[in-house]
Amino acid sequence: MAEKEYTSFSQFYPFYLREHQNTVCRRLHFVGSFLILITLAFIVSTGQWQYLILLPFLGYGFAWVGHFFFEHNRPATFIYPLYSFLGDWVMFKDMLTGKIKF
């Protein structure tokens, strides 16, 4: 894990992308993020708020499998939780728009 302390997301994001070079890891992040959006839509449309508990498991579960078994690194969430959360969604958008291969 990097020793550098990032003071802005724009400084952090290139590091975040280096930590997500493995295609399977990126795909698992994408699946987790997509499932979060689907689950949120279901929760809002049905009012079944008890399912909010699933969101961290969907997002972090898929991402951490990617890091531990494919990327072989420690998720940046442990040191930079806010920037990592933002990075997940920026990377998701970048994959959707074709800026990042997945």
PDB file of N, CA and C in Angstrom:
ATOM      1  N   MET A   1       0.860  -1.182   0.000  1.00  0.00           N
ATOM      2  CA  MET A   1       0.000   0.000   0.000  1.00  0.00           C
ATOM      3  C   MET A   1       0.899   1.235   0.000  1.00  0.00           C
ATOM      4  N   ALA A   2       0.458   2.267  -0.614  1.00  0.00           N
ATOM      5  CA  ALA A   2       1.235   3.488  -0.745  1.00  0.00           C
ATOM      6  C   ALA A   2       1.421   4.158   0.603  1.00  0.00           C
ATOM      7  N   GLU A   3       2.590   4.741   0.785  1.00  0.00           N
ATOM      8  CA  GLU A   3       2.896   5.490   2.000  1.00  0.00           C
ATOM      9  C   GLU A   3       2.404   6.931   1.895  1.00  0.00           C
ATOM     10  N   LYS A   4       2.218   7.390   0.665  1.00  0.00           N
ATOM     11  CA  LYS A   4       1.849   8.776   0.417  1.00  0.00           C
ATOM     12  C   LYS A   4       0.457   9.077   0.961  1.00  0.00           C
ATOM     13  N   GLU A   5       0.315  10.257   1.524  1.00  0.00           N
ATOM     14  CA  GLU A   5      -1.004  10.696   1.968  1.00  0.00           C
ATOM     15  C   GLU A   5      -1.595  11.592   0.895  1.00  0.00           C
ATOM     16  N   TYR A   6      -2.735  11.208   0.397  1.00  0.00           N
ATOM     17  CA  TYR A   6      -3.396  11.964  -0.666  1.00  0.00           C
ATOM     18  C   TYR A   6      -4.289  13.020  -0.043  1.00  0.00           C
ATOM     19  N   THR A   7      -4.212  14.215  -0.587  1.00  0.00           N
ATOM     20  CA  THR A   7      -5.000  15.331  -0.045  1.00  0.00           C
ATOM     21  C   THR A   7      -6.149  15.734  -0.957  1.00  0.00           C
ATOM     22  N   SER A   8      -6.255  15.065  -2.103  1.00  0.00           N
ATOM     23  CA  SER A   8      -7.377  15.336  -2.998  1.00  0.00           C
ATOM     24  C   SER A   8      -7.691  14.063  -3.779  1.00  0.00           C
ATOM     25  N   PHE A   9      -8.919  14.000  -4.241  1.00  0.00           N
ATOM     26  CA  PHE A   9      -9.308  12.836  -5.031  1.00  0.00           C
ATOM     27  C   PHE A   9      -8.545  12.786  -6.349  1.00  0.00           C
ATOM     28  N   SER A  10      -8.272  13.927  -6.939  1.00  0.00           N
ATOM     29  CA  SER A  10      -7.549  13.941  -8.220  1.00  0.00           C
ATOM     30  C   SER A  10      -6.131  13.389  -8.058  1.00  0.00           C
ATOM     31  N   GLN A  11      -5.524  13.548  -6.894  1.00  0.00           N
ATOM     32  CA  GLN A  11      -4.222  12.934  -6.625  1.00  0.00           C
ATOM     33  C   GLN A  11      -4.374  11.433  -6.390  1.00  0.00           C
ATOM     34  N   PHE A  12      -5.447  11.054  -5.738  1.00  0.00           N
ATOM     35  CA  PHE A  12      -5.669   9.669  -5.341  1.00  0.00           C
ATOM     36  C   PHE A  12      -6.066   8.769  -6.502  1.00  0.00           C
ATOM     37  N   TYR A  13      -6.851   9.257  -7.446  1.00  0.00           N
ATOM     38  CA  TYR A  13      -7.442   8.401  -8.475  1.00  0.00           C
ATOM     39  C   TYR A  13      -6.407   7.657  -9.324  1.00  0.00           C
ATOM     40  N   PRO A  14      -5.298   8.268  -9.734  1.00  0.00           N
ATOM     41  CA  PRO A  14      -4.293   7.469 -10.471  1.00  0.00           C
ATOM     42  C   PRO A  14      -3.753   6.298  -9.637  1.00  0.00           C
ATOM     43  N   PHE A  15      -3.545   6.522  -8.345  1.00  0.00           N
ATOM     44  CA  PHE A  15      -3.144   5.430  -7.454  1.00  0.00           C
ATOM     45  C   PHE A  15      -4.228   4.357  -7.422  1.00  0.00           C
ATOM     46  N   TYR A  16      -5.483   4.780  -7.303  1.00  0.00           N
ATOM     47  CA  TYR A  16      -6.619   3.862  -7.273  1.00  0.00           C
ATOM     48  C   TYR A  16      -6.629   2.984  -8.523  1.00  0.00           C
ATOM     49  N   LEU A  17      -6.412   3.585  -9.674  1.00  0.00           N
ATOM     50  CA  LEU A  17      -6.407   2.820 -10.922  1.00  0.00           C
ATOM     51  C   LEU A  17      -5.243   1.834 -10.976  1.00  0.00           C
ATOM     52  N   ARG A  18      -4.082   2.209 -10.441  1.00  0.00           N
ATOM     53  CA  ARG A  18      -2.956   1.277 -10.393  1.00  0.00           C
ATOM     54  C   ARG A  18      -3.279   0.062  -9.524  1.00  0.00           C
ATOM     55  N   GLU A  19      -4.103   0.260  -8.517  1.00  0.00           N
ATOM     56  CA  GLU A  19      -4.501  -0.828  -7.622  1.00  0.00           C
ATOM     57  C   GLU A  19      -5.600  -1.705  -8.235  1.00  0.00           C
ATOM     58  N   HIS A  20      -6.050  -1.351  -9.431  1.00  0.00           N
ATOM     59  CA  HIS A  20      -7.120  -2.080 -10.126  1.00  0.00           C
ATOM     60  C   HIS A  20      -6.704  -2.418 -11.553  1.00  0.00           C
ATOM     61  N   GLN A  21      -5.509  -2.933 -11.724  1.00  0.00           N
ATOM     62  CA  GLN A  21      -5.012  -3.260 -13.054  1.00  0.00           C
ATOM     63  C   GLN A  21      -5.534  -4.593 -13.568  1.00  0.00           C
ATOM     64  N   ASN A  22      -5.891  -5.502 -12.665  1.00  0.00           N
ATOM     65  CA  ASN A  22      -6.377  -6.821 -13.063  1.00  0.00           C
ATOM     66  C   ASN A  22      -7.804  -6.707 -13.594  1.00  0.00           C
ATOM     67  N   THR A  23      -8.029  -7.261 -14.770  1.00  0.00           N
ATOM     68  CA  THR A  23      -9.337  -7.166 -15.419  1.00  0.00           C
ATOM     69  C   THR A  23     -10.441  -7.819 -14.593  1.00  0.00           C
ATOM     70  N   VAL A  24     -10.167  -8.973 -14.009  1.00  0.00           N
ATOM     71  CA  VAL A  24     -11.187  -9.655 -13.207  1.00  0.00           C
ATOM     72  C   VAL A  24     -11.554  -8.809 -11.987  1.00  0.00           C
ATOM     73  N   CYS A  25     -10.563  -8.217 -11.363  1.00  0.00           N
ATOM     74  CA  CYS A  25     -10.821  -7.339 -10.219  1.00  0.00           C
ATOM     75  C   CYS A  25     -11.734  -6.185 -10.618  1.00  0.00           C
ATOM     76  N   ARG A  26     -11.415  -5.537 -11.731  1.00  0.00           N
ATOM     77  CA  ARG A  26     -12.259  -4.431 -12.206  1.00  0.00           C
ATOM     78  C   ARG A  26     -13.668  -4.913 -12.517  1.00  0.00           C
ATOM     79  N   ARG A  27     -13.791  -6.070 -13.124  1.00  0.00           N
ATOM     80  CA  ARG A  27     -15.121  -6.603 -13.445  1.00  0.00           C
ATOM     81  C   ARG A  27     -15.915  -6.907 -12.178  1.00  0.00           C
ATOM     82  N   LEU A  28     -15.256  -7.435 -11.165  1.00  0.00           N
ATOM     83  CA  LEU A  28     -15.946  -7.702  -9.906  1.00  0.00           C
ATOM     84  C   LEU A  28     -16.410  -6.406  -9.256  1.00  0.00           C
ATOM     85  N   HIS A  29     -15.596  -5.363  -9.327  1.00  0.00           N
ATOM     86  CA  HIS A  29     -16.020  -4.049  -8.836  1.00  0.00           C
ATOM     87  C   HIS A  29     -17.264  -3.572  -9.602  1.00  0.00           C
ATOM     88  N   PHE A  30     -17.215  -3.735 -10.910  1.00  0.00           N
ATOM     89  CA  PHE A  30     -18.332  -3.304 -11.745  1.00  0.00           C
ATOM     90  C   PHE A  30     -19.611  -4.048 -11.371  1.00  0.00           C
ATOM     91  N   VAL A  31     -19.518  -5.369 -11.219  1.00  0.00           N
ATOM     92  CA  VAL A  31     -20.685  -6.184 -10.858  1.00  0.00           C
ATOM     93  C   VAL A  31     -21.235  -5.736  -9.507  1.00  0.00           C
ATOM     94  N   GLY A  32     -20.356  -5.550  -8.526  1.00  0.00           N
ATOM     95  CA  GLY A  32     -20.808  -5.097  -7.210  1.00  0.00           C
ATOM     96  C   GLY A  32     -21.511  -3.755  -7.276  1.00  0.00           C
ATOM     97  N   SER A  33     -20.939  -2.817  -8.005  1.00  0.00           N
ATOM     98  CA  SER A  33     -21.553  -1.490  -8.130  1.00  0.00           C
ATOM     99  C   SER A  33     -22.894  -1.572  -8.851  1.00  0.00           C
ATOM    100  N   PHE A  34     -22.955  -2.375  -9.912  1.00  0.00           N
ATOM    101  CA  PHE A  34     -24.202  -2.540 -10.649  1.00  0.00           C
ATOM    102  C   PHE A  34     -25.283  -3.159  -9.756  1.00  0.00           C
ATOM    103  N   LEU A  35     -24.910  -4.168  -8.970  1.00  0.00           N
ATOM    104  CA  LEU A  35     -25.867  -4.790  -8.063  1.00  0.00           C
ATOM    105  C   LEU A  35     -26.358  -3.819  -6.991  1.00  0.00           C
ATOM    106  N   ILE A  36     -25.489  -2.919  -6.571  1.00  0.00           N
ATOM    107  CA  ILE A  36     -25.907  -1.885  -5.617  1.00  0.00           C
ATOM    108  C   ILE A  36     -26.995  -1.017  -6.242  1.00  0.00           C
ATOM    109  N   LEU A  37     -26.780  -0.591  -7.476  1.00  0.00           N
ATOM    110  CA  LEU A  37     -27.782   0.255  -8.142  1.00  0.00           C
ATOM    111  C   LEU A  37     -29.107  -0.478  -8.331  1.00  0.00           C
ATOM    112  N   ILE A  38     -29.045  -1.733  -8.740  1.00  0.00           N
ATOM    113  CA  ILE A  38     -30.264  -2.533  -8.922  1.00  0.00           C
ATOM    114  C   ILE A  38     -30.978  -2.707  -7.582  1.00  0.00           C
ATOM    115  N   THR A  39     -30.216  -3.017  -6.544  1.00  0.00           N
ATOM    116  CA  THR A  39     -30.807  -3.217  -5.219  1.00  0.00           C
ATOM    117  C   THR A  39     -31.414  -1.923  -4.695  1.00  0.00           C
ATOM    118  N   LEU A  40     -30.723  -0.803  -4.891  1.00  0.00           N
ATOM    119  CA  LEU A  40     -31.284   0.491  -4.466  1.00  0.00           C
ATOM    120  C   LEU A  40     -32.585   0.795  -5.192  1.00  0.00           C
ATOM    121  N   ALA A  41     -32.623   0.520  -6.475  1.00  0.00           N
ATOM    122  CA  ALA A  41     -33.859   0.749  -7.244  1.00  0.00           C
ATOM    123  C   ALA A  41     -34.981  -0.121  -6.693  1.00  0.00           C
ATOM    124  N   PHE A  42     -34.685  -1.358  -6.392  1.00  0.00           N
ATOM    125  CA  PHE A  42     -35.686  -2.259  -5.814  1.00  0.00           C
ATOM    126  C   PHE A  42     -36.165  -1.735  -4.460  1.00  0.00           C
ATOM    127  N   ILE A  43     -35.235  -1.323  -3.622  1.00  0.00           N
ATOM    128  CA  ILE A  43     -35.585  -0.841  -2.282  1.00  0.00           C
ATOM    129  C   ILE A  43     -36.473   0.395  -2.360  1.00  0.00           C
ATOM    130  N   VAL A  44     -36.092   1.343  -3.190  1.00  0.00           N
ATOM    131  CA  VAL A  44     -36.861   2.582  -3.318  1.00  0.00           C
ATOM    132  C   VAL A  44     -38.238   2.309  -3.921  1.00  0.00           C
ATOM    133  N   SER A  45     -38.285   1.434  -4.916  1.00  0.00           N
ATOM    134  CA  SER A  45     -39.570   1.185  -5.573  1.00  0.00           C
ATOM    135  C   SER A  45     -40.531   0.352  -4.736  1.00  0.00           C
ATOM    136  N   THR A  46     -39.999  -0.465  -3.849  1.00  0.00           N
ATOM    137  CA  THR A  46     -40.872  -1.318  -3.037  1.00  0.00           C
ATOM    138  C   THR A  46     -41.017  -0.849  -1.598  1.00  0.00           C
ATOM    139  N   GLY A  47     -40.124   0.049  -1.178  1.00  0.00           N
ATOM    140  CA  GLY A  47     -40.155   0.509   0.202  1.00  0.00           C
ATOM    141  C   GLY A  47     -39.668  -0.528   1.202  1.00  0.00           C
ATOM    142  N   GLN A  48     -38.967  -1.526   0.744  1.00  0.00           N
ATOM    143  CA  GLN A  48     -38.461  -2.570   1.633  1.00  0.00           C
ATOM    144  C   GLN A  48     -37.067  -2.182   2.145  1.00  0.00           C
ATOM    145  N   TRP A  49     -37.056  -1.251   3.052  1.00  0.00           N
ATOM    146  CA  TRP A  49     -35.834  -0.614   3.541  1.00  0.00           C
ATOM    147  C   TRP A  49     -34.906  -1.578   4.274  1.00  0.00           C
ATOM    148  N   GLN A  50     -35.422  -2.704   4.743  1.00  0.00           N
ATOM    149  CA  GLN A  50     -34.587  -3.659   5.460  1.00  0.00           C
ATOM    150  C   GLN A  50     -33.469  -4.215   4.567  1.00  0.00           C
ATOM    151  N   TYR A  51     -33.643  -4.129   3.268  1.00  0.00           N
ATOM    152  CA  TYR A  51     -32.628  -4.641   2.346  1.00  0.00           C
ATOM    153  C   TYR A  51     -31.430  -3.702   2.188  1.00  0.00           C
ATOM    154  N   LEU A  52     -31.491  -2.532   2.798  1.00  0.00           N
ATOM    155  CA  LEU A  52     -30.326  -1.642   2.770  1.00  0.00           C
ATOM    156  C   LEU A  52     -29.091  -2.321   3.362  1.00  0.00           C
ATOM    157  N   ILE A  53     -29.307  -3.238   4.273  1.00  0.00           N
ATOM    158  CA  ILE A  53     -28.202  -3.958   4.902  1.00  0.00           C
ATOM    159  C   ILE A  53     -27.361  -4.731   3.882  1.00  0.00           C
ATOM    160  N   LEU A  54     -27.945  -5.058   2.742  1.00  0.00           N
ATOM    161  CA  LEU A  54     -27.230  -5.808   1.709  1.00  0.00           C
ATOM    162  C   LEU A  54     -26.187  -4.971   0.972  1.00  0.00           C
ATOM    163  N   LEU A  55     -26.357  -3.672   0.939  1.00  0.00           N
ATOM    164  CA  LEU A  55     -25.519  -2.818   0.086  1.00  0.00           C
ATOM    165  C   LEU A  55     -24.021  -2.953   0.370  1.00  0.00           C
ATOM    166  N   PRO A  56     -23.576  -2.870   1.635  1.00  0.00           N
ATOM    167  CA  PRO A  56     -22.125  -3.013   1.844  1.00  0.00           C
ATOM    168  C   PRO A  56     -21.600  -4.392   1.439  1.00  0.00           C
ATOM    169  N   PHE A  57     -22.408  -5.424   1.643  1.00  0.00           N
ATOM    170  CA  PHE A  57     -21.967  -6.766   1.277  1.00  0.00           C
ATOM    171  C   PHE A  57     -21.841  -6.915  -0.236  1.00  0.00           C
ATOM    172  N   LEU A  58     -22.769  -6.318  -0.960  1.00  0.00           N
ATOM    173  CA  LEU A  58     -22.706  -6.384  -2.421  1.00  0.00           C
ATOM    174  C   LEU A  58     -21.491  -5.628  -2.942  1.00  0.00           C
ATOM    175  N   GLY A  59     -21.336  -4.394  -2.498  1.00  0.00           N
ATOM    176  CA  GLY A  59     -20.240  -3.570  -3.005  1.00  0.00           C
ATOM    177  C   GLY A  59     -18.882  -4.075  -2.557  1.00  0.00           C
ATOM    178  N   TYR A  60     -18.694  -4.196  -1.255  1.00  0.00           N
ATOM    179  CA  TYR A  60     -17.387  -4.586  -0.746  1.00  0.00           C
ATOM    180  C   TYR A  60     -17.099  -6.064  -0.956  1.00  0.00           C
ATOM    181  N   GLY A  61     -18.118  -6.897  -0.909  1.00  0.00           N
ATOM    182  CA  GLY A  61     -17.896  -8.327  -1.103  1.00  0.00           C
ATOM    183  C   GLY A  61     -17.259  -8.636  -2.440  1.00  0.00           C
ATOM    184  N   PHE A  62     -17.845  -8.141  -3.501  1.00  0.00           N
ATOM    185  CA  PHE A  62     -17.295  -8.378  -4.834  1.00  0.00           C
ATOM    186  C   PHE A  62     -15.922  -7.720  -4.985  1.00  0.00           C
ATOM    187  N   ALA A  63     -15.790  -6.501  -4.498  1.00  0.00           N
ATOM    188  CA  ALA A  63     -14.522  -5.779  -4.632  1.00  0.00           C
ATOM    189  C   ALA A  63     -13.398  -6.490  -3.888  1.00  0.00           C
ATOM    190  N   TRP A  64     -13.657  -6.915  -2.675  1.00  0.00           N
ATOM    191  CA  TRP A  64     -12.606  -7.542  -1.876  1.00  0.00           C
ATOM    192  C   TRP A  64     -12.203  -8.904  -2.425  1.00  0.00           C
ATOM    193  N   VAL A  65     -13.139  -9.644  -2.991  1.00  0.00           N
ATOM    194  CA  VAL A  65     -12.769 -10.890  -3.672  1.00  0.00           C
ATOM    195  C   VAL A  65     -11.793 -10.563  -4.806  1.00  0.00           C
ATOM    196  N   GLY A  66     -12.094  -9.509  -5.541  1.00  0.00           N
ATOM    197  CA  GLY A  66     -11.202  -9.095  -6.624  1.00  0.00           C
ATOM    198  C   GLY A  66      -9.811  -8.753  -6.143  1.00  0.00           C
ATOM    199  N   HIS A  67      -9.725  -8.048  -5.029  1.00  0.00           N
ATOM    200  CA  HIS A  67      -8.410  -7.653  -4.509  1.00  0.00           C
ATOM    201  C   HIS A  67      -7.641  -8.840  -3.935  1.00  0.00           C
ATOM    202  N   PHE A  68      -8.290  -9.633  -3.110  1.00  0.00           N
ATOM    203  CA  PHE A  68      -7.585 -10.695  -2.413  1.00  0.00           C
ATOM    204  C   PHE A  68      -7.227 -11.878  -3.314  1.00  0.00           C
ATOM    205  N   PHE A  69      -8.063 -12.192  -4.293  1.00  0.00           N
ATOM    206  CA  PHE A  69      -7.831 -13.379  -5.106  1.00  0.00           C
ATOM    207  C   PHE A  69      -7.299 -13.104  -6.509  1.00  0.00           C
ATOM    208  N   PHE A  70      -7.456 -11.904  -7.011  1.00  0.00           N
ATOM    209  CA  PHE A  70      -7.021 -11.616  -8.376  1.00  0.00           C
ATOM    210  C   PHE A  70      -5.971 -10.515  -8.444  1.00  0.00           C
ATOM    211  N   GLU A  71      -6.201  -9.434  -7.747  1.00  0.00           N
ATOM    212  CA  GLU A  71      -5.247  -8.316  -7.762  1.00  0.00           C
ATOM    213  C   GLU A  71      -4.099  -8.579  -6.791  1.00  0.00           C
ATOM    214  N   HIS A  72      -4.356  -9.344  -5.738  1.00  0.00           N
ATOM    215  CA  HIS A  72      -3.369  -9.686  -4.709  1.00  0.00           C
ATOM    216  C   HIS A  72      -2.812  -8.445  -4.017  1.00  0.00           C
ATOM    217  N   ASN A  73      -3.711  -7.555  -3.670  1.00  0.00           N
ATOM    218  CA  ASN A  73      -3.317  -6.382  -2.892  1.00  0.00           C
ATOM    219  C   ASN A  73      -4.401  -6.096  -1.850  1.00  0.00           C
ATOM    220  N   ARG A  74      -4.107  -5.179  -0.988  1.00  0.00           N
ATOM    221  CA  ARG A  74      -5.037  -4.795   0.079  1.00  0.00           C
ATOM    222  C   ARG A  74      -5.902  -3.648  -0.430  1.00  0.00           C
ATOM    223  N   PRO A  75      -7.225  -3.754  -0.295  1.00  0.00           N
ATOM    224  CA  PRO A  75      -8.091  -2.677  -0.777  1.00  0.00           C
ATOM    225  C   PRO A  75      -7.734  -1.326  -0.148  1.00  0.00           C
ATOM    226  N   ALA A  76      -7.745  -0.301  -0.957  1.00  0.00           N
ATOM    227  CA  ALA A  76      -7.432   1.046  -0.476  1.00  0.00           C
ATOM    228  C   ALA A  76      -8.481   1.558   0.513  1.00  0.00           C
ATOM    229  N   THR A  77      -9.615   0.891   0.571  1.00  0.00           N
ATOM    230  CA  THR A  77     -10.696   1.265   1.495  1.00  0.00           C
ATOM    231  C   THR A  77     -10.195   1.338   2.929  1.00  0.00           C
ATOM    232  N   PHE A  78      -9.238   0.491   3.273  1.00  0.00           N
ATOM    233  CA  PHE A  78      -8.759   0.435   4.645  1.00  0.00           C
ATOM    234  C   PHE A  78      -7.981   1.688   5.052  1.00  0.00           C
ATOM    235  N   ILE A  79      -7.392   2.375   4.088  1.00  0.00           N
ATOM    236  CA  ILE A  79      -6.621   3.586   4.398  1.00  0.00           C
ATOM    237  C   ILE A  79      -7.335   4.850   3.927  1.00  0.00           C
ATOM    238  N   TYR A  80      -7.999   4.773   2.787  1.00  0.00           N
ATOM    239  CA  TYR A  80      -8.677   5.925   2.179  1.00  0.00           C
ATOM    240  C   TYR A  80     -10.145   5.590   1.920  1.00  0.00           C
ATOM    241  N   PRO A  81     -10.964   5.453   2.955  1.00  0.00           N
ATOM    242  CA  PRO A  81     -12.349   4.993   2.731  1.00  0.00           C
ATOM    243  C   PRO A  81     -13.183   5.909   1.835  1.00  0.00           C
ATOM    244  N   LEU A  82     -13.114   7.213   2.035  1.00  0.00           N
ATOM    245  CA  LEU A  82     -13.932   8.126   1.223  1.00  0.00           C
ATOM    246  C   LEU A  82     -13.437   8.174  -0.218  1.00  0.00           C
ATOM    247  N   TYR A  83     -12.143   8.339  -0.404  1.00  0.00           N
ATOM    248  CA  TYR A  83     -11.596   8.388  -1.756  1.00  0.00           C
ATOM    249  C   TYR A  83     -11.826   7.066  -2.490  1.00  0.00           C
ATOM    250  N   SER A  84     -11.725   5.950  -1.778  1.00  0.00           N
ATOM    251  CA  SER A  84     -11.971   4.651  -2.408  1.00  0.00           C
ATOM    252  C   SER A  84     -13.424   4.508  -2.833  1.00  0.00           C
ATOM    253  N   PHE A  85     -14.326   4.974  -1.987  1.00  0.00           N
ATOM    254  CA  PHE A  85     -15.748   4.936  -2.332  1.00  0.00           C
ATOM    255  C   PHE A  85     -16.004   5.755  -3.599  1.00  0.00           C
ATOM    256  N   LEU A  86     -15.439   6.954  -3.637  1.00  0.00           N
ATOM    257  CA  LEU A  86     -15.580   7.791  -4.833  1.00  0.00           C
ATOM    258  C   LEU A  86     -14.914   7.136  -6.043  1.00  0.00           C
ATOM    259  N   GLY A  87     -13.746   6.530  -5.817  1.00  0.00           N
ATOM    260  CA  GLY A  87     -13.029   5.864  -6.896  1.00  0.00           C
ATOM    261  C   GLY A  87     -13.830   4.737  -7.511  1.00  0.00           C
ATOM    262  N   ASP A  88     -14.555   3.996  -6.666  1.00  0.00           N
ATOM    263  CA  ASP A  88     -15.401   2.910  -7.183  1.00  0.00           C
ATOM    264  C   ASP A  88     -16.402   3.441  -8.196  1.00  0.00           C
ATOM    265  N   TRP A  89     -17.023   4.555  -7.858  1.00  0.00           N
ATOM    266  CA  TRP A  89     -18.075   5.083  -8.737  1.00  0.00           C
ATOM    267  C   TRP A  89     -17.512   5.782  -9.962  1.00  0.00           C
ATOM    268  N   VAL A  90     -16.357   6.425  -9.818  1.00  0.00           N
ATOM    269  CA  VAL A  90     -15.730   7.039 -10.997  1.00  0.00           C
ATOM    270  C   VAL A  90     -15.246   5.942 -11.940  1.00  0.00           C
ATOM    271  N   MET A  91     -14.647   4.876 -11.386  1.00  0.00           N
ATOM    272  CA  MET A  91     -14.203   3.774 -12.230  1.00  0.00           C
ATOM    273  C   MET A  91     -15.399   3.091 -12.899  1.00  0.00           C
ATOM    274  N   PHE A  92     -16.513   2.936 -12.176  1.00  0.00           N
ATOM    275  CA  PHE A  92     -17.732   2.365 -12.752  1.00  0.00           C
ATOM    276  C   PHE A  92     -18.182   3.201 -13.948  1.00  0.00           C
ATOM    277  N   LYS A  93     -18.217   4.522 -13.770  1.00  0.00           N
ATOM    278  CA  LYS A  93     -18.595   5.429 -14.863  1.00  0.00           C
ATOM    279  C   LYS A  93     -17.606   5.333 -16.017  1.00  0.00           C
ATOM    280  N   ASP A  94     -16.325   5.284 -15.694  1.00  0.00           N
ATOM    281  CA  ASP A  94     -15.305   5.191 -16.733  1.00  0.00           C
ATOM    282  C   ASP A  94     -15.394   3.879 -17.507  1.00  0.00           C
ATOM    283  N   MET A  95     -15.803   2.803 -16.846  1.00  0.00           N
ATOM    284  CA  MET A  95     -15.998   1.542 -17.551  1.00  0.00           C
ATOM    285  C   MET A  95     -17.237   1.603 -18.437  1.00  0.00           C
ATOM    286  N   LEU A  96     -18.300   2.201 -17.919  1.00  0.00           N
ATOM    287  CA  LEU A  96     -19.528   2.343 -18.715  1.00  0.00           C
ATOM    288  C   LEU A  96     -19.303   3.160 -19.978  1.00  0.00           C
ATOM    289  N   THR A  97     -18.480   4.186 -19.872  1.00  0.00           N
ATOM    290  CA  THR A  97     -18.247   5.076 -21.006  1.00  0.00           C
ATOM    291  C   THR A  97     -17.109   4.609 -21.910  1.00  0.00           C
ATOM    292  N   GLY A  98     -16.467   3.503 -21.551  1.00  0.00           N
ATOM    293  CA  GLY A  98     -15.380   2.968 -22.371  1.00  0.00           C
ATOM    294  C   GLY A  98     -14.027   3.591 -22.127  1.00  0.00           C
ATOM    295  N   LYS A  99     -13.913   4.471 -21.157  1.00  0.00           N
ATOM    296  CA  LYS A  99     -12.628   5.098 -20.849  1.00  0.00           C
ATOM    297  C   LYS A  99     -11.660   4.086 -20.239  1.00  0.00           C
ATOM    298  N   ILE A 100     -12.214   3.113 -19.506  1.00  0.00           N
ATOM    299  CA  ILE A 100     -11.431   2.039 -18.911  1.00  0.00           C
ATOM    300  C   ILE A 100     -11.976   0.723 -19.432  1.00  0.00           C
ATOM    301  N   LYS A 101     -11.079  -0.155 -19.845  1.00  0.00           N
ATOM    302  CA  LYS A 101     -11.479  -1.463 -20.361  1.00  0.00           C
ATOM    303  C   LYS A 101     -11.944  -2.356 -19.217  1.00  0.00           C
ATOM    304  N   PHE A 102     -13.043  -3.067 -19.484  1.00  0.00           N
ATOM    305  CA  PHE A 102     -13.445  -4.106 -18.535  1.00  0.00           C
ATOM    306  C   PHE A 102     -13.974  -5.265 -19.261  1.00  0.00           C
TER     307      PHE A 102
END
